């Protein structure tokens, strides 16, 4: 069996609404007789927008499919209607789903890796910390938001501009509309912004407003700012890094205005501290998302890293 069309599965049901994933088989796919390496991916979007079809890493997908890799892109609950507790429930349910369906889908549970882009790396690192039955082989961190106790998330920024677009003024959105997202009672929990298309621009602008106000860490953690700024209680994925984490490779542009590259260096330092392999791929002159950057050689090294682990 060989197909380029993904199959959608529900891996978690919350309030009778499905949290889904897209399953992309490898080029040559015979799950009846073969087991396959698997890469699970989490999308970006500041934890407030996006879905499993949002900017998947096609450059990686196209390279690993012929090498016998399954690629899975998963939705997860979005803030602020949801909370980190719901995201953790998604992560637990995803491990259960993977174990339950590994035989029928040909997933080799001893060769599972995780990849993520931007805010998806926050989710991926929760998974690395939380999964105990399936031991992850490697972590591909694409310009990830991993140090959410740092100044870019706790202090106001001068602009909401990223990749050449001001997420507030260029979208001609009313900043006041974003404040309702931080005021209870919130609406129904959301995990796929396609279910709220009429509100998508506001959700995109919400991220810009959080940057301008320095409230991203407040939204993510649920803590008041005075608690967040106490380094002993601030929640950041960096604090989760341990010797149980798998080897990682980070790809990050050195001109990233959305997720500054300082977070990538901090992750490398955290990995060094616990003695785990961390490979850094810095893309000179690249903005967030590596927009318009020639990364063909970088993607080749990412695939070599995946294959080696």
Protein backbone atom coordinates (compact mmCIF):
# COMPACT_ATOMS: atom_id res chain seq x y z
CA UNK A 1 0.00 0.00 0.00
CA UNK A 2 1.35 3.43 -0.92
CA UNK A 3 -0.49 6.74 -0.74
CA UNK A 4 0.27 10.44 -0.33
CA UNK A 5 -3.13 11.16 1.18
CA UNK A 6 -3.16 11.19 4.99
CA UNK A 7 -5.75 9.36 7.04
CA UNK A 8 -7.39 11.29 9.88
CA UNK A 9 -7.89 9.59 13.25
CA UNK A 10 -9.43 10.75 16.49
CA UNK A 11 -6.98 10.10 19.29
CA UNK A 12 -8.74 11.93 22.12
CA UNK A 13 -12.39 12.80 22.73
CA UNK A 14 -13.21 15.69 25.02
CA UNK A 15 -16.79 16.89 25.59
CA UNK A 16 -17.80 14.57 22.72
CA UNK A 17 -15.66 16.56 20.26
CA UNK A 18 -12.69 14.91 18.56
CA UNK A 19 -9.05 15.86 18.94
CA UNK A 20 -7.51 14.50 15.75
CA UNK A 21 -4.28 13.61 14.01
CA UNK A 22 -3.28 13.10 10.39
CA UNK A 23 -1.45 9.87 9.64
CA UNK A 24 0.94 9.96 6.66
CA UNK A 25 2.28 6.52 5.69
CA UNK A 26 5.73 6.03 4.15
CA UNK A 27 6.16 5.69 0.41
CA UNK A 28 6.16 1.91 0.58
CA UNK A 29 3.71 0.82 3.26
CA UNK A 30 2.98 -2.76 4.31
CA UNK A 31 1.81 -2.63 7.94
CA UNK A 32 0.71 -6.26 7.81
CA UNK A 33 4.33 -7.36 7.71
CA UNK A 34 6.53 -4.34 8.51
CA UNK A 35 7.16 -1.96 11.42
CA UNK A 36 8.09 1.63 10.68
CA UNK A 37 9.97 4.46 12.32
CA UNK A 38 7.53 7.23 13.24
CA UNK A 39 7.84 11.01 13.59
CA UNK A 40 5.12 12.83 15.56
CA UNK A 41 4.76 16.56 14.84
CA UNK A 42 3.16 19.45 16.76
CA UNK A 43 2.25 22.68 14.93
CA UNK A 44 3.04 26.24 15.95
CA UNK A 45 0.73 29.20 16.54
CA UNK A 46 1.67 30.63 19.92
CA UNK A 47 -0.47 27.95 21.60
CA UNK A 48 -3.50 30.06 20.66
CA UNK A 49 -4.09 29.23 16.98
CA UNK A 50 -3.20 26.67 14.32
CA UNK A 51 -4.04 23.03 13.72
CA UNK A 52 -2.53 19.77 12.49
CA UNK A 53 -2.52 21.04 8.88
CA UNK A 54 -0.72 24.30 9.74
CA UNK A 55 2.67 24.51 8.05
CA UNK A 56 3.81 20.91 8.40
CA UNK A 57 7.54 20.49 7.65
CA UNK A 58 7.19 19.29 4.06
CA UNK A 59 10.96 19.44 3.58
CA UNK A 60 11.36 16.80 6.27
CA UNK A 61 8.26 14.80 5.33
CA UNK A 62 9.32 14.46 1.70
CA UNK A 63 12.75 13.21 2.73
CA UNK A 64 11.74 10.65 5.34
CA UNK A 65 8.75 9.05 3.56
CA UNK A 66 10.98 7.19 1.04
CA UNK A 67 13.17 6.08 3.93
CA UNK A 68 10.28 4.22 5.56
CA UNK A 69 9.01 6.76 8.08
CA UNK A 70 5.44 7.30 9.23
CA UNK A 71 4.63 10.98 9.84
CA UNK A 72 1.89 11.99 12.29
CA UNK A 73 0.66 15.58 12.73
CA UNK A 74 -1.51 16.02 15.83
CA UNK A 75 -3.90 18.68 17.06
CA UNK A 76 -3.87 19.74 20.71
CA UNK A 77 -6.00 21.97 22.91
CA UNK A 78 -5.46 25.71 22.40
CA UNK A 79 -5.22 28.48 24.97
CA UNK A 80 -6.86 30.35 26.60
CA UNK A 81 -10.14 28.41 26.45
CA UNK A 82 -8.13 25.35 27.40
CA UNK A 83 -5.21 25.05 29.79
CA UNK A 84 -1.95 23.17 30.12
CA UNK A 85 -3.87 20.47 31.97
CA UNK A 86 -5.92 19.75 28.83
CA UNK A 87 -2.77 19.71 26.69
CA UNK A 88 -1.27 17.19 29.08
CA UNK A 89 -4.41 15.08 28.74
CA UNK A 90 -3.96 15.18 24.96
CA UNK A 91 -0.37 14.01 25.35
CA UNK A 92 -1.40 11.11 27.57
CA UNK A 93 -4.16 10.13 25.15
CA UNK A 94 -1.74 10.26 22.21
CA UNK A 95 0.57 7.75 23.88
CA UNK A 96 -2.39 5.44 24.57
CA UNK A 97 -3.58 5.75 20.97
CA UNK A 98 -0.11 5.02 19.60
CA UNK A 99 0.25 1.91 21.74
CA UNK A 100 -3.26 0.70 20.92
CA UNK A 101 -2.90 1.08 17.15
CA UNK A 102 0.79 0.28 16.72
CA UNK A 103 0.23 -3.24 15.41
CA UNK A 104 -2.47 -2.43 12.86
CA UNK A 105 -0.67 0.69 11.58
CA UNK A 106 2.85 -0.71 11.68
CA UNK A 107 4.22 1.78 14.19
CA UNK A 108 7.48 0.62 15.75
CA UNK A 109 7.03 1.91 19.31
CA UNK A 110 10.75 1.51 19.93
CA UNK A 111 11.58 3.95 17.12
CA UNK A 112 9.33 6.95 17.71
CA UNK A 113 10.67 10.53 17.52
CA UNK A 114 8.98 13.89 17.99
CA UNK A 115 9.29 17.11 15.98
CA UNK A 116 7.75 20.51 16.46
CA UNK A 117 7.69 24.07 15.17
CA UNK A 118 7.58 27.28 17.20
CA UNK A 119 5.05 26.94 20.05
CA UNK A 120 4.63 23.28 19.16
CA UNK A 121 7.99 22.73 20.83
CA UNK A 122 6.37 23.67 24.13
CA UNK A 123 3.96 20.75 23.60
CA UNK A 124 6.70 18.43 22.36
CA UNK A 125 8.77 19.01 25.50
CA UNK A 126 5.76 18.27 27.68
CA UNK A 127 5.51 14.97 25.79
CA UNK A 128 9.22 14.23 26.30
CA UNK A 129 8.75 14.72 30.01
CA UNK A 130 5.43 12.90 30.27
CA UNK A 131 5.71 9.78 28.09
CA UNK A 132 7.10 6.86 30.10
CA UNK A 133 5.96 3.75 28.22
CA UNK A 134 7.18 4.84 24.80
CA UNK A 135 10.78 6.03 24.98
CA UNK A 136 11.38 8.71 22.36
CA UNK A 137 14.44 8.29 20.15
CA UNK A 138 15.04 11.93 19.19
CA UNK A 139 13.62 15.45 19.20
CA UNK A 140 13.60 17.83 16.21
CA UNK A 141 13.10 21.39 17.49
CA UNK A 142 12.27 23.84 14.70
CA UNK A 143 12.63 27.46 15.90
CA UNK A 144 10.89 26.35 19.09
CA UNK A 145 9.35 28.37 21.90
CA UNK A 146 11.08 26.61 24.79
CA UNK A 147 12.09 29.34 27.25
CA UNK A 148 8.78 30.94 28.18
CA UNK A 149 10.14 32.51 31.36
CA UNK A 150 12.48 34.70 29.28
CA UNK A 151 12.00 38.41 28.64
CA UNK A 152 10.32 38.05 25.21
CA UNK A 153 7.36 36.40 26.97
CA UNK A 154 7.33 38.27 30.29
CA UNK A 155 8.13 41.85 29.26
CA UNK A 156 6.41 44.11 26.70
CA UNK A 157 7.90 44.19 23.20
CA UNK A 158 8.24 47.31 21.09
CA UNK A 159 6.36 45.72 18.19
CA UNK A 160 4.14 42.78 17.33
CA UNK A 161 5.97 42.42 14.03
CA UNK A 162 7.17 39.01 12.87
CA UNK A 163 8.12 37.68 9.42
CA UNK A 164 7.43 41.15 8.05
CA UNK A 165 3.86 41.36 9.35
CA UNK A 166 2.67 43.33 12.35
CA UNK A 167 0.20 40.92 13.92
CA UNK A 168 -1.86 43.84 15.24
CA UNK A 169 -1.68 46.95 13.05
CA UNK A 170 -1.14 45.25 9.66
CA UNK A 171 -4.17 43.05 10.26
CA UNK A 172 -6.15 46.18 11.20
CA UNK A 173 -7.50 44.57 14.32
CA UNK A 174 -8.81 46.27 17.43
CA UNK A 175 -6.44 45.56 20.31
CA UNK A 176 -9.33 45.79 22.77
CA UNK A 177 -10.89 42.67 21.28
CA UNK A 178 -7.98 40.54 22.50
CA UNK A 179 -8.51 41.36 26.14
CA UNK A 180 -11.67 39.29 26.23
CA UNK A 181 -9.52 36.20 25.73
CA UNK A 182 -7.96 36.79 29.15
CA UNK A 183 -11.21 37.43 30.97
CA UNK A 184 -13.26 34.50 32.30
CA UNK A 185 -15.62 32.96 31.55
CA UNK A 186 -13.93 31.67 28.41
CA UNK A 187 -15.85 30.05 25.58
CA UNK A 188 -15.93 26.35 24.71
CA UNK A 189 -12.52 24.68 24.64
CA UNK A 190 -10.76 24.88 21.26
CA UNK A 191 -8.12 22.62 19.69
CA UNK A 192 -8.49 23.38 16.00
CA UNK A 193 -8.88 26.96 14.82
CA UNK A 194 -10.72 25.70 11.75
CA UNK A 195 -13.65 25.29 14.13
CA UNK A 196 -13.61 29.04 14.73
CA UNK A 197 -12.71 30.50 11.34
CA UNK A 198 -14.66 33.69 11.93
CA UNK A 199 -12.35 34.35 14.86
CA UNK A 200 -9.07 33.27 13.26
CA UNK A 201 -7.71 36.76 12.61
CA UNK A 202 -8.48 37.75 16.17
CA UNK A 203 -6.67 34.64 17.43
CA UNK A 204 -3.64 35.53 15.29
CA UNK A 205 -3.79 39.08 16.57
CA UNK A 206 -4.08 37.76 20.11
CA UNK A 207 -0.54 36.43 19.85
CA UNK A 208 0.67 39.84 18.69
CA UNK A 209 -1.10 41.55 21.57
CA UNK A 210 0.44 39.10 24.05
CA UNK A 211 3.87 40.03 22.68
CA UNK A 212 3.15 43.76 22.92
CA UNK A 213 1.88 43.50 26.48
CA UNK A 214 4.43 40.93 27.67
CA UNK A 215 1.62 38.61 28.78
CA UNK A 216 2.45 35.45 26.83
CA UNK A 217 3.89 33.73 29.89
CA UNK A 218 0.83 34.78 31.89
CA UNK A 219 -1.53 33.14 29.40
CA UNK A 220 0.57 29.98 29.08
CA UNK A 221 1.13 29.31 32.76
CA UNK A 222 -2.07 30.69 34.25
CA UNK A 223 0.01 32.46 36.88
CA UNK A 224 0.01 36.16 37.72
CA UNK A 225 3.03 38.04 36.46
CA UNK A 226 4.60 38.49 39.90
CA UNK A 227 4.60 34.71 40.30
CA UNK A 228 5.94 34.11 36.80
CA UNK A 229 8.86 36.46 37.36
CA UNK A 230 9.92 34.43 40.40
CA UNK A 231 12.42 32.07 38.80
CA UNK A 232 11.60 29.38 41.35
CA UNK A 233 8.01 29.05 40.16
CA UNK A 234 8.11 30.18 36.52
CA UNK A 235 6.93 27.48 34.15
CA UNK A 236 9.13 26.85 31.16
CA UNK A 237 9.93 23.68 29.20
CA UNK A 238 13.61 24.28 29.91
CA UNK A 239 12.99 23.19 33.50
CA UNK A 240 11.82 19.81 32.24
CA UNK A 241 15.08 18.84 30.52
CA UNK A 242 16.61 15.80 32.19
CA UNK A 243 18.98 12.93 31.45
CA UNK A 244 15.90 10.95 30.36
CA UNK A 245 15.39 13.24 27.35
CA UNK A 246 16.42 11.93 23.90
CA UNK A 247 19.08 13.52 21.68
CA UNK A 248 17.88 16.71 20.01
CA UNK A 249 18.58 18.83 16.97
CA UNK A 250 17.53 22.49 16.87
CA UNK A 251 17.07 24.53 13.68
CA UNK A 252 16.71 28.27 14.24
CA UNK A 253 17.17 31.48 12.27
CA UNK A 254 19.48 34.04 13.85
CA UNK A 255 17.14 36.90 12.85
CA UNK A 256 13.99 35.40 14.38
CA UNK A 257 11.82 38.25 15.69
CA UNK A 258 8.98 36.04 16.92
CA UNK A 259 10.91 33.42 18.91
CA UNK A 260 14.39 34.87 19.53
CA UNK A 261 17.31 32.51 19.05
CA UNK A 262 18.36 32.99 22.68
CA UNK A 263 15.88 30.23 23.57
CA UNK A 264 17.72 27.80 21.28
CA UNK A 265 21.01 28.56 22.99
CA UNK A 266 19.35 28.11 26.39
CA UNK A 267 18.04 24.70 25.33
CA UNK A 268 21.49 23.67 24.13
CA UNK A 269 22.92 24.70 27.50
CA UNK A 270 20.24 22.72 29.37
CA UNK A 271 21.04 19.64 27.28
CA UNK A 272 24.76 20.08 27.89
CA UNK A 273 24.11 20.29 31.62
CA UNK A 274 22.48 16.83 31.68
CA UNK A 275 24.95 15.32 29.21
CA UNK A 276 22.59 14.63 26.31
CA UNK A 277 23.51 15.18 22.65
CA UNK A 278 22.16 18.42 21.18
CA UNK A 279 23.00 19.51 17.62
CA UNK A 280 22.50 23.15 16.66
CA UNK A 281 21.74 24.28 13.11
CA UNK A 282 21.79 28.07 12.92
CA UNK A 283 20.43 29.57 9.69
CA UNK A 284 22.11 32.91 9.05
CA UNK A 285 19.79 35.79 8.23
CA UNK A 286 16.63 33.70 8.61
CA UNK A 287 13.42 34.97 10.18
CA UNK A 288 10.85 32.92 12.09
CA UNK A 289 9.80 29.88 10.12
CA UNK A 290 13.00 30.13 8.05
CA UNK A 291 10.99 32.12 5.50
CA UNK A 292 12.78 32.43 2.13
CA UNK A 293 15.91 30.75 3.48
CA UNK A 294 17.72 28.04 1.51
CA UNK A 295 17.78 25.22 4.05
CA UNK A 296 18.17 22.21 1.77
CA UNK A 297 21.45 21.15 3.37
CA UNK A 298 20.03 21.75 6.83
CA UNK A 299 17.10 19.44 6.12
CA UNK A 300 19.50 16.77 4.91
CA UNK A 301 21.36 16.99 8.23
CA UNK A 302 18.07 16.81 10.15
CA UNK A 303 17.19 13.58 8.33
CA UNK A 304 20.67 12.17 9.00
CA UNK A 305 20.15 12.97 12.67
CA UNK A 306 16.79 11.20 12.72
CA UNK A 307 18.22 8.17 10.95
CA UNK A 308 21.18 8.03 13.34
CA UNK A 309 18.99 7.91 16.41
